[in-house]
Amino acid sequence: MTRTPHSTHVATRRTFRTELLAIIPALRGFARFLARDSAIADDLVQDTIVRALDKAESFTPGTNLRAWCFAILRNLFLEQHRQGCRERIALEDYGHHPASTSESSPHAQTEMQELESLLWQISPLLREALVLVGAQELTYAEAADICGVEVGTMKARVSRARAALKKVMATQDRKNGPEGAQT
């Protein structure tokens, strides 16, 4: 049986949707780093999926769907942030009510909260680069595509982010003293 253009299109749409479903956890993780609020992150992911499905015909099969969707999510976040939507309120309120972590040990939760706190002390561009390459395990090229910059710029941002994170950690260690606990 030969495939008709219609059956090929249906199979391609099915593959696109299957791959889209598979990257939802990664999208949610990136959205949580951007929004710092699980409800807003879920809304961003939902909006990203809707936009991706709506623009599916503009996606080139064989290219990186994950990077394409991350770019959509990032653009949605920046668009909403610029418009002064509820993200600003959530970001300002976050310091008073940090998002809780899931079913991990109290020690692991504390470490994650400390890391998150440290990450939010570096500049947004550097933090974004580090999250994309470090936490989301994207290549420099994929992260550069998402952010609309050259690969060299992304490499420099990640390098500066790591240096800034080390500096923030050293400053915090000095504040906490030799035993790592404030008195």
N, C-alpha and C. Protein backbone atom coordinates (compact mmCIF):
# COMPACT_ATOMS: atom_id res chain seq x y z
N MET A 1 0.84 -1.19 0.00
CA MET A 1 0.00 0.00 0.00
C MET A 1 0.87 1.24 0.00
N THR A 2 0.59 2.13 -0.92
CA THR A 2 1.37 3.37 -1.00
C THR A 2 0.72 4.42 -0.13
N ARG A 3 1.57 5.30 0.37
CA ARG A 3 1.05 6.38 1.22
C ARG A 3 0.62 7.55 0.35
N THR A 4 -0.51 8.10 0.69
CA THR A 4 -0.99 9.29 0.02
C THR A 4 -0.44 10.50 0.76
N PRO A 5 -0.44 11.66 0.13
CA PRO A 5 0.02 12.85 0.84
C PRO A 5 -0.76 13.08 2.14
N HIS A 6 -2.04 12.75 2.12
CA HIS A 6 -2.86 12.93 3.32
C HIS A 6 -2.40 12.01 4.45
N SER A 7 -2.15 10.72 4.13
CA SER A 7 -1.74 9.78 5.17
C SER A 7 -0.35 10.14 5.71
N THR A 8 0.54 10.64 4.86
CA THR A 8 1.86 11.08 5.32
C THR A 8 1.72 12.27 6.25
N HIS A 9 0.85 13.20 5.90
CA HIS A 9 0.60 14.38 6.74
C HIS A 9 0.05 13.97 8.11
N VAL A 10 -0.87 13.02 8.13
CA VAL A 10 -1.45 12.53 9.38
C VAL A 10 -0.37 11.87 10.24
N ALA A 11 0.48 11.06 9.61
CA ALA A 11 1.57 10.39 10.35
C ALA A 11 2.55 11.41 10.91
N THR A 12 2.87 12.44 10.14
CA THR A 12 3.77 13.50 10.60
C THR A 12 3.16 14.25 11.78
N ARG A 13 1.87 14.55 11.70
CA ARG A 13 1.19 15.24 12.81
C ARG A 13 1.20 14.38 14.06
N ARG A 14 1.00 13.07 13.91
CA ARG A 14 1.02 12.16 15.04
C ARG A 14 2.40 12.13 15.69
N THR A 15 3.43 12.06 14.88
CA THR A 15 4.81 12.07 15.38
C THR A 15 5.10 13.38 16.10
N PHE A 16 4.69 14.50 15.51
CA PHE A 16 4.89 15.81 16.12
C PHE A 16 4.23 15.86 17.50
N ARG A 17 3.01 15.42 17.58
CA ARG A 17 2.29 15.44 18.87
C ARG A 17 2.93 14.51 19.90
N THR A 18 3.39 13.35 19.46
CA THR A 18 4.05 12.41 20.36
C THR A 18 5.34 13.02 20.91
N GLU A 19 6.13 13.62 20.04
CA GLU A 19 7.38 14.25 20.48
C GLU A 19 7.09 15.45 21.38
N LEU A 20 6.04 16.18 21.08
CA LEU A 20 5.66 17.32 21.90
C LEU A 20 5.28 16.87 23.31
N LEU A 21 4.52 15.79 23.41
CA LEU A 21 4.17 15.26 24.72
C LEU A 21 5.40 14.84 25.52
N ALA A 22 6.38 14.29 24.84
CA ALA A 22 7.59 13.80 25.51
C ALA A 22 8.43 14.92 26.12
N ILE A 23 8.35 16.13 25.58
CA ILE A 23 9.18 17.23 26.10
C ILE A 23 8.46 18.10 27.12
N ILE A 24 7.23 17.78 27.45
CA ILE A 24 6.49 18.59 28.42
C ILE A 24 7.22 18.70 29.77
N PRO A 25 7.77 17.63 30.33
CA PRO A 25 8.49 17.80 31.61
C PRO A 25 9.66 18.78 31.51
N ALA A 26 10.40 18.74 30.42
CA ALA A 26 11.52 19.68 30.23
C ALA A 26 11.01 21.11 30.09
N LEU A 27 9.91 21.27 29.37
CA LEU A 27 9.31 22.60 29.23
C LEU A 27 8.88 23.14 30.59
N ARG A 28 8.29 22.26 31.38
CA ARG A 28 7.81 22.68 32.71
C ARG A 28 8.99 23.09 33.60
N GLY A 29 10.07 22.33 33.53
CA GLY A 29 11.25 22.68 34.32
C GLY A 29 11.81 24.04 33.94
N PHE A 30 11.91 24.30 32.65
CA PHE A 30 12.41 25.59 32.19
C PHE A 30 11.45 26.72 32.58
N ALA A 31 10.17 26.47 32.45
CA ALA A 31 9.17 27.48 32.81
C ALA A 31 9.23 27.81 34.29
N ARG A 32 9.47 26.80 35.13
CA ARG A 32 9.58 27.05 36.58
C ARG A 32 10.78 27.91 36.91
N PHE A 33 11.89 27.71 36.18
CA PHE A 33 13.05 28.57 36.39
C PHE A 33 12.76 30.00 35.97
N LEU A 34 12.02 30.17 34.89
CA LEU A 34 11.71 31.52 34.43
C LEU A 34 10.70 32.21 35.33
N ALA A 35 9.61 31.52 35.63
CA ALA A 35 8.49 32.14 36.34
C ALA A 35 8.62 32.10 37.85
N ARG A 36 9.34 31.10 38.38
CA ARG A 36 9.51 30.92 39.82
C ARG A 36 8.19 30.65 40.52
N ASP A 37 7.21 30.18 39.81
CA ASP A 37 5.90 29.89 40.38
C ASP A 37 5.29 28.75 39.56
N SER A 38 4.89 27.68 40.25
CA SER A 38 4.42 26.51 39.51
C SER A 38 3.14 26.77 38.72
N ALA A 39 2.24 27.57 39.24
CA ALA A 39 0.99 27.84 38.52
C ALA A 39 1.26 28.65 37.25
N ILE A 40 2.11 29.65 37.36
CA ILE A 40 2.45 30.45 36.19
C ILE A 40 3.23 29.59 35.20
N ALA A 41 4.11 28.74 35.70
CA ALA A 41 4.88 27.84 34.83
C ALA A 41 3.94 26.92 34.06
N ASP A 42 2.96 26.38 34.74
CA ASP A 42 1.99 25.50 34.06
C ASP A 42 1.23 26.26 32.98
N ASP A 43 0.87 27.50 33.27
CA ASP A 43 0.20 28.33 32.26
C ASP A 43 1.11 28.58 31.06
N LEU A 44 2.38 28.86 31.33
CA LEU A 44 3.34 29.08 30.25
C LEU A 44 3.48 27.83 29.38
N VAL A 45 3.57 26.68 30.02
CA VAL A 45 3.70 25.43 29.28
C VAL A 45 2.46 25.18 28.43
N GLN A 46 1.31 25.40 29.02
CA GLN A 46 0.06 25.22 28.27
C GLN A 46 0.01 26.16 27.07
N ASP A 47 0.36 27.43 27.28
CA ASP A 47 0.36 28.39 26.18
C ASP A 47 1.38 28.00 25.11
N THR A 48 2.52 27.46 25.56
CA THR A 48 3.55 27.02 24.62
C THR A 48 3.04 25.88 23.75
N ILE A 49 2.38 24.92 24.38
CA ILE A 49 1.86 23.76 23.64
C ILE A 49 0.79 24.20 22.64
N VAL A 50 -0.10 25.09 23.09
CA VAL A 50 -1.14 25.59 22.19
C VAL A 50 -0.52 26.30 21.00
N ARG A 51 0.47 27.16 21.27
CA ARG A 51 1.12 27.89 20.19
C ARG A 51 1.88 26.94 19.26
N ALA A 52 2.55 25.95 19.84
CA ALA A 52 3.29 24.98 19.02
C ALA A 52 2.34 24.19 18.12
N LEU A 53 1.22 23.77 18.68
CA LEU A 53 0.24 23.04 17.86
C LEU A 53 -0.34 23.93 16.76
N ASP A 54 -0.57 25.18 17.11
CA ASP A 54 -1.12 26.13 16.15
C ASP A 54 -0.13 26.42 15.02
N LYS A 55 1.14 26.43 15.35
CA LYS A 55 2.18 26.75 14.36
C LYS A 55 2.94 25.52 13.89
N ALA A 56 2.39 24.34 14.10
CA ALA A 56 3.07 23.09 13.76
C ALA A 56 3.53 23.05 12.31
N GLU A 57 2.77 23.65 11.41
CA GLU A 57 3.16 23.62 10.00
C GLU A 57 4.43 24.42 9.74
N SER A 58 4.81 25.33 10.65
CA SER A 58 6.04 26.09 10.45
C SER A 58 7.26 25.37 11.03
N PHE A 59 7.04 24.27 11.77
CA PHE A 59 8.15 23.48 12.29
C PHE A 59 8.71 22.61 11.17
N THR A 60 10.03 22.59 11.05
CA THR A 60 10.69 21.79 10.03
C THR A 60 11.01 20.41 10.59
N PRO A 61 10.35 19.37 10.09
CA PRO A 61 10.66 18.01 10.57
C PRO A 61 12.15 17.71 10.42
N GLY A 62 12.69 17.02 11.42
CA GLY A 62 14.10 16.69 11.41
C GLY A 62 14.95 17.68 12.18
N THR A 63 14.37 18.84 12.54
CA THR A 63 15.09 19.80 13.38
C THR A 63 14.72 19.55 14.84
N ASN A 64 15.27 20.32 15.72
CA ASN A 64 15.12 20.09 17.16
C ASN A 64 13.81 20.68 17.68
N LEU A 65 12.83 19.82 17.91
CA LEU A 65 11.53 20.26 18.42
C LEU A 65 11.66 20.86 19.82
N ARG A 66 12.52 20.26 20.64
CA ARG A 66 12.70 20.75 22.01
C ARG A 66 13.20 22.20 22.01
N ALA A 67 14.21 22.49 21.22
CA ALA A 67 14.75 23.85 21.14
C ALA A 67 13.69 24.81 20.58
N TRP A 68 12.94 24.36 19.60
CA TRP A 68 11.89 25.19 19.00
C TRP A 68 10.84 25.54 20.05
N CYS A 69 10.42 24.56 20.85
CA CYS A 69 9.41 24.80 21.89
C CYS A 69 9.98 25.65 23.03
N PHE A 70 11.26 25.45 23.38
CA PHE A 70 11.87 26.28 24.41
C PHE A 70 11.89 27.74 23.96
N ALA A 71 12.16 27.97 22.68
CA ALA A 71 12.16 29.34 22.15
C ALA A 71 10.76 29.94 22.25
N ILE A 72 9.75 29.16 21.93
CA ILE A 72 8.37 29.64 22.05
C ILE A 72 8.07 29.99 23.50
N LEU A 73 8.44 29.10 24.42
CA LEU A 73 8.17 29.33 25.85
C LEU A 73 8.89 30.60 26.33
N ARG A 74 10.15 30.73 25.97
CA ARG A 74 10.93 31.91 26.39
C ARG A 74 10.29 33.18 25.83
N ASN A 75 9.92 33.16 24.56
CA ASN A 75 9.30 34.34 23.96
C ASN A 75 7.96 34.68 24.62
N LEU A 76 7.18 33.67 24.95
CA LEU A 76 5.92 33.90 25.65
C LEU A 76 6.18 34.55 27.02
N PHE A 77 7.15 34.01 27.74
CA PHE A 77 7.48 34.57 29.05
C PHE A 77 7.91 36.02 28.93
N LEU A 78 8.82 36.30 28.01
CA LEU A 78 9.30 37.68 27.84
C LEU A 78 8.17 38.61 27.41
N GLU A 79 7.32 38.12 26.53
CA GLU A 79 6.17 38.91 26.07
C GLU A 79 5.25 39.25 27.24
N GLN A 80 4.95 38.26 28.06
CA GLN A 80 4.08 38.49 29.22
C GLN A 80 4.76 39.39 30.24
N HIS A 81 6.06 39.19 30.42
CA HIS A 81 6.81 39.99 31.39
C HIS A 81 6.84 41.46 30.96
N ARG A 82 7.07 41.70 29.69
CA ARG A 82 7.10 43.07 29.18
C ARG A 82 5.75 43.76 29.32
N GLN A 83 4.69 43.02 29.18
CA GLN A 83 3.36 43.60 29.27
C GLN A 83 2.95 43.85 30.71
N GLY A 84 3.78 43.43 31.64
CA GLY A 84 3.47 43.68 33.05
C GLY A 84 2.35 42.81 33.59
N CYS A 85 2.23 41.59 33.02
CA CYS A 85 1.18 40.69 33.48
C CYS A 85 1.46 40.20 34.89
N ARG A 86 0.76 39.24 35.31
CA ARG A 86 0.84 38.72 36.67
C ARG A 86 2.20 38.14 37.04
N GLU A 87 3.09 37.91 36.06
CA GLU A 87 4.41 37.38 36.39
C GLU A 87 5.18 38.31 37.31
N ARG A 88 5.08 39.62 37.10
CA ARG A 88 5.80 40.57 37.97
C ARG A 88 5.34 40.44 39.41
N ILE A 89 4.05 40.33 39.60
CA ILE A 89 3.52 40.19 40.96
C ILE A 89 4.03 38.90 41.58
N ALA A 90 4.00 37.83 40.81
CA ALA A 90 4.46 36.54 41.33
C ALA A 90 5.95 36.57 41.65
N LEU A 91 6.74 37.22 40.80
CA LEU A 91 8.17 37.29 41.05
C LEU A 91 8.48 38.13 42.29
N GLU A 92 7.77 39.21 42.49
CA GLU A 92 7.98 40.04 43.68
C GLU A 92 7.55 39.30 44.94
N ASP A 93 6.48 38.54 44.84
CA ASP A 93 5.95 37.82 45.99
C ASP A 93 6.75 36.55 46.29
N TYR A 94 7.53 36.08 45.33
CA TYR A 94 8.21 34.79 45.48
C TYR A 94 9.14 34.76 46.68
N GLY A 95 9.84 35.85 46.95
CA GLY A 95 10.77 35.88 48.07
C GLY A 95 10.10 35.57 49.39
N HIS A 96 8.82 35.85 49.48
CA HIS A 96 8.07 35.59 50.72
C HIS A 96 7.45 34.21 50.75
N HIS A 97 7.18 33.63 49.56
CA HIS A 97 6.53 32.32 49.47
C HIS A 97 7.20 31.48 48.40
N PRO A 98 8.40 30.96 48.63
CA PRO A 98 9.06 30.16 47.59
C PRO A 98 8.27 28.91 47.24
N ALA A 99 8.42 28.51 45.99
CA ALA A 99 7.73 27.29 45.53
C ALA A 99 8.30 26.09 46.26
N SER A 100 7.42 25.19 46.63
CA SER A 100 7.88 24.00 47.35
C SER A 100 8.42 22.99 46.36
N THR A 101 9.35 22.17 46.83
CA THR A 101 9.88 21.11 45.98
C THR A 101 9.09 19.84 46.25
N SER A 102 9.21 18.89 45.36
CA SER A 102 8.40 17.68 45.46
C SER A 102 8.98 16.68 46.44
N GLU A 103 8.64 15.44 46.29
CA GLU A 103 8.88 14.37 47.24
C GLU A 103 10.34 13.99 47.42
N SER A 104 11.21 14.91 47.82
CA SER A 104 12.58 14.54 48.09
C SER A 104 12.87 14.73 49.57
N SER A 105 14.03 14.27 49.97
CA SER A 105 14.39 14.36 51.38
C SER A 105 14.51 15.82 51.80
N PRO A 106 14.34 16.09 53.09
CA PRO A 106 14.48 17.48 53.57
C PRO A 106 15.85 18.07 53.22
N HIS A 107 16.90 17.24 53.29
CA HIS A 107 18.25 17.73 52.97
C HIS A 107 18.33 18.13 51.49
N ALA A 108 17.78 17.28 50.62
CA ALA A 108 17.79 17.57 49.18
C ALA A 108 16.95 18.80 48.88
N GLN A 109 15.82 18.93 49.57
CA GLN A 109 14.97 20.12 49.37
C GLN A 109 15.72 21.38 49.78
N THR A 110 16.43 21.32 50.90
CA THR A 110 17.19 22.47 51.37
C THR A 110 18.28 22.83 50.37
N GLU A 111 18.98 21.82 49.87
CA GLU A 111 20.03 22.08 48.88
C GLU A 111 19.46 22.70 47.61
N MET A 112 18.32 22.20 47.14
CA MET A 112 17.70 22.76 45.94
C MET A 112 17.26 24.21 46.18
N GLN A 113 16.71 24.48 47.36
CA GLN A 113 16.29 25.84 47.68
C GLN A 113 17.50 26.77 47.74
N GLU A 114 18.61 26.27 48.30
CA GLU A 114 19.82 27.07 48.37
C GLU A 114 20.35 27.36 46.97
N LEU A 115 20.38 26.32 46.11
CA LEU A 115 20.85 26.51 44.75
C LEU A 115 19.96 27.49 44.00
N GLU A 116 18.66 27.34 44.17
CA GLU A 116 17.74 28.25 43.50
C GLU A 116 17.96 29.68 43.98
N SER A 117 18.15 29.84 45.27
CA SER A 117 18.43 31.17 45.83
C SER A 117 19.70 31.77 45.24
N LEU A 118 20.73 30.94 45.11
CA LEU A 118 21.99 31.41 44.54
C LEU A 118 21.82 31.79 43.07
N LEU A 119 21.08 30.96 42.33
CA LEU A 119 20.85 31.25 40.90
C LEU A 119 20.16 32.60 40.70
N TRP A 120 19.25 32.94 41.59
CA TRP A 120 18.50 34.19 41.43
C TRP A 120 19.32 35.40 41.85
N GLN A 121 20.56 35.18 42.29
CA GLN A 121 21.44 36.29 42.63
C GLN A 121 22.35 36.68 41.46
N ILE A 122 22.32 35.91 40.38
CA ILE A 122 23.10 36.28 39.20
C ILE A 122 22.16 36.90 38.17
N SER A 123 22.73 37.57 37.19
CA SER A 123 21.90 38.31 36.23
C SER A 123 20.99 37.36 35.43
N PRO A 124 19.84 37.86 34.98
CA PRO A 124 18.89 37.02 34.24
C PRO A 124 19.48 36.36 32.99
N LEU A 125 20.30 37.09 32.22
CA LEU A 125 20.88 36.50 31.01
C LEU A 125 21.82 35.35 31.35
N LEU A 126 22.62 35.53 32.39
CA LEU A 126 23.55 34.48 32.78
C LEU A 126 22.80 33.30 33.37
N ARG A 127 21.80 33.58 34.19
CA ARG A 127 20.99 32.51 34.80
C ARG A 127 20.30 31.68 33.73
N GLU A 128 19.72 32.36 32.75
CA GLU A 128 19.03 31.67 31.67
C GLU A 128 19.98 30.75 30.91
N ALA A 129 21.17 31.24 30.59
CA ALA A 129 22.15 30.44 29.87
C ALA A 129 22.54 29.21 30.68
N LEU A 130 22.78 29.39 31.97
CA LEU A 130 23.19 28.27 32.82
C LEU A 130 22.07 27.24 32.96
N VAL A 131 20.85 27.70 33.08
CA VAL A 131 19.72 26.77 33.21
C VAL A 131 19.53 25.98 31.92
N LEU A 132 19.61 26.64 30.78
CA LEU A 132 19.42 25.94 29.51
C LEU A 132 20.50 24.89 29.27
N VAL A 133 21.76 25.26 29.49
CA VAL A 133 22.86 24.34 29.20
C VAL A 133 23.07 23.36 30.34
N GLY A 134 22.99 23.85 31.58
CA GLY A 134 23.25 22.99 32.74
C GLY A 134 22.07 22.13 33.13
N ALA A 135 20.99 22.77 33.53
CA ALA A 135 19.83 22.04 34.04
C ALA A 135 19.03 21.34 32.94
N GLN A 136 18.85 22.00 31.82
CA GLN A 136 18.04 21.42 30.75
C GLN A 136 18.86 20.56 29.79
N GLU A 137 20.18 20.57 29.97
CA GLU A 137 21.10 19.74 29.18
C GLU A 137 21.00 19.97 27.67
N LEU A 138 20.76 21.23 27.29
CA LEU A 138 20.76 21.56 25.87
C LEU A 138 22.20 21.80 25.44
N THR A 139 22.46 21.65 24.16
CA THR A 139 23.78 21.99 23.64
C THR A 139 23.89 23.51 23.59
N TYR A 140 25.12 23.99 23.44
CA TYR A 140 25.31 25.43 23.30
C TYR A 140 24.55 25.95 22.09
N ALA A 141 24.56 25.18 21.01
CA ALA A 141 23.87 25.60 19.78
C ALA A 141 22.37 25.69 19.99
N GLU A 142 21.80 24.70 20.67
CA GLU A 142 20.36 24.73 20.94
C GLU A 142 19.99 25.90 21.83
N ALA A 143 20.78 26.12 22.88
CA ALA A 143 20.51 27.24 23.79
C ALA A 143 20.67 28.57 23.06
N ALA A 144 21.66 28.67 22.19
CA ALA A 144 21.87 29.90 21.42
C ALA A 144 20.67 30.17 20.50
N ASP A 145 20.16 29.11 19.87
CA ASP A 145 18.97 29.27 19.01
C ASP A 145 17.78 29.77 19.81
N ILE A 146 17.59 29.21 21.00
CA ILE A 146 16.47 29.61 21.84
C ILE A 146 16.56 31.08 22.21
N CYS A 147 17.76 31.53 22.54
CA CYS A 147 17.96 32.91 22.99
C CYS A 147 18.22 33.88 21.85
N GLY A 148 18.37 33.36 20.64
CA GLY A 148 18.59 34.23 19.49
C GLY A 148 19.96 34.88 19.48
N VAL A 149 20.99 34.15 19.94
CA VAL A 149 22.35 34.67 19.96
C VAL A 149 23.28 33.68 19.27
N GLU A 150 24.52 34.09 19.05
CA GLU A 150 25.53 33.22 18.46
C GLU A 150 25.98 32.18 19.49
N VAL A 151 26.50 31.07 19.03
CA VAL A 151 26.97 30.00 19.91
C VAL A 151 28.08 30.51 20.82
N GLY A 152 28.98 31.31 20.29
CA GLY A 152 30.07 31.87 21.10
C GLY A 152 29.55 32.74 22.24
N THR A 153 28.50 33.49 21.96
CA THR A 153 27.88 34.33 22.99
C THR A 153 27.30 33.46 24.09
N MET A 154 26.66 32.34 23.70
CA MET A 154 26.08 31.44 24.69
C MET A 154 27.18 30.81 25.53
N LYS A 155 28.27 30.40 24.90
CA LYS A 155 29.39 29.81 25.65
C LYS A 155 29.94 30.83 26.65
N ALA A 156 30.07 32.07 26.22
CA ALA A 156 30.58 33.11 27.11
C ALA A 156 29.62 33.35 28.27
N ARG A 157 28.33 33.36 27.99
CA ARG A 157 27.34 33.56 29.06
C ARG A 157 27.39 32.44 30.08
N VAL A 158 27.50 31.20 29.61
CA VAL A 158 27.57 30.07 30.54
C VAL A 158 28.83 30.16 31.38
N SER A 159 29.92 30.51 30.76
CA SER A 159 31.18 30.64 31.49
C SER A 159 31.08 31.75 32.54
N ARG A 160 30.53 32.89 32.15
CA ARG A 160 30.37 34.00 33.11
C ARG A 160 29.37 33.62 34.20
N ALA A 161 28.35 32.85 33.85
CA ALA A 161 27.36 32.43 34.85
C ALA A 161 28.00 31.52 35.89
N ARG A 162 28.81 30.59 35.44
CA ARG A 162 29.50 29.70 36.38
C ARG A 162 30.41 30.49 37.30
N ALA A 163 31.14 31.45 36.73
CA ALA A 163 32.03 32.28 37.55
C ALA A 163 31.23 33.12 38.54
N ALA A 164 30.11 33.69 38.09
CA ALA A 164 29.27 34.49 38.98
C ALA A 164 28.67 33.63 40.09
N LEU A 165 28.27 32.42 39.76
CA LEU A 165 27.70 31.50 40.75
C LEU A 165 28.76 31.13 41.79
N LYS A 166 29.99 30.88 41.34
CA LYS A 166 31.08 30.58 42.28
C LYS A 166 31.32 31.76 43.21
N LYS A 167 31.28 32.97 42.66
CA LYS A 167 31.50 34.17 43.46
C LYS A 167 30.40 34.34 44.50
N VAL A 168 29.17 34.13 44.10
CA VAL A 168 28.04 34.24 45.03
C VAL A 168 28.16 33.18 46.13
N MET A 169 28.54 31.97 45.73
CA MET A 169 28.70 30.89 46.72
C MET A 169 29.83 31.22 47.70
N ALA A 170 30.94 31.77 47.20
CA ALA A 170 32.06 32.13 48.07
C ALA A 170 31.65 33.23 49.04
N THR A 171 30.89 34.20 48.55
CA THR A 171 30.40 35.28 49.41
C THR A 171 29.50 34.72 50.50
N GLN A 172 28.63 33.81 50.13
CA GLN A 172 27.72 33.21 51.11
C GLN A 172 28.50 32.38 52.13
N ASP A 173 29.52 31.65 51.67
CA ASP A 173 30.35 30.85 52.58
C ASP A 173 31.06 31.75 53.59
N ARG A 174 31.56 32.91 53.11
CA ARG A 174 32.23 33.83 54.04
C ARG A 174 31.24 34.37 55.07
N LYS A 175 30.02 34.65 54.64
CA LYS A 175 28.99 35.14 55.56
C LYS A 175 28.63 34.10 56.61
N ASN A 176 28.58 32.84 56.19
CA ASN A 176 28.18 31.76 57.09
C ASN A 176 29.31 31.31 58.01
N GLY A 177 30.53 31.70 57.73
CA GLY A 177 31.63 31.34 58.61
C GLY A 177 32.16 29.96 58.32
N PRO A 178 33.17 29.53 59.10
CA PRO A 178 33.84 28.26 58.82
C PRO A 178 32.97 27.04 59.02
N GLU A 179 31.96 27.12 59.82
CA GLU A 179 31.13 25.92 60.09
C GLU A 179 29.92 25.86 59.20
N GLY A 180 29.71 26.88 58.34
CA GLY A 180 28.61 26.86 57.39
C GLY A 180 27.26 27.18 58.01
N ALA A 181 27.26 27.68 59.23
CA ALA A 181 25.98 28.05 59.86
C ALA A 181 26.12 29.41 60.49
N GLN A 182 25.13 30.23 60.27
CA GLN A 182 25.14 31.54 60.87
C GLN A 182 24.80 31.45 62.34
N THR A 183 25.40 32.33 63.13
CA THR A 183 25.12 32.35 64.57
C THR A 183 24.26 33.51 64.91
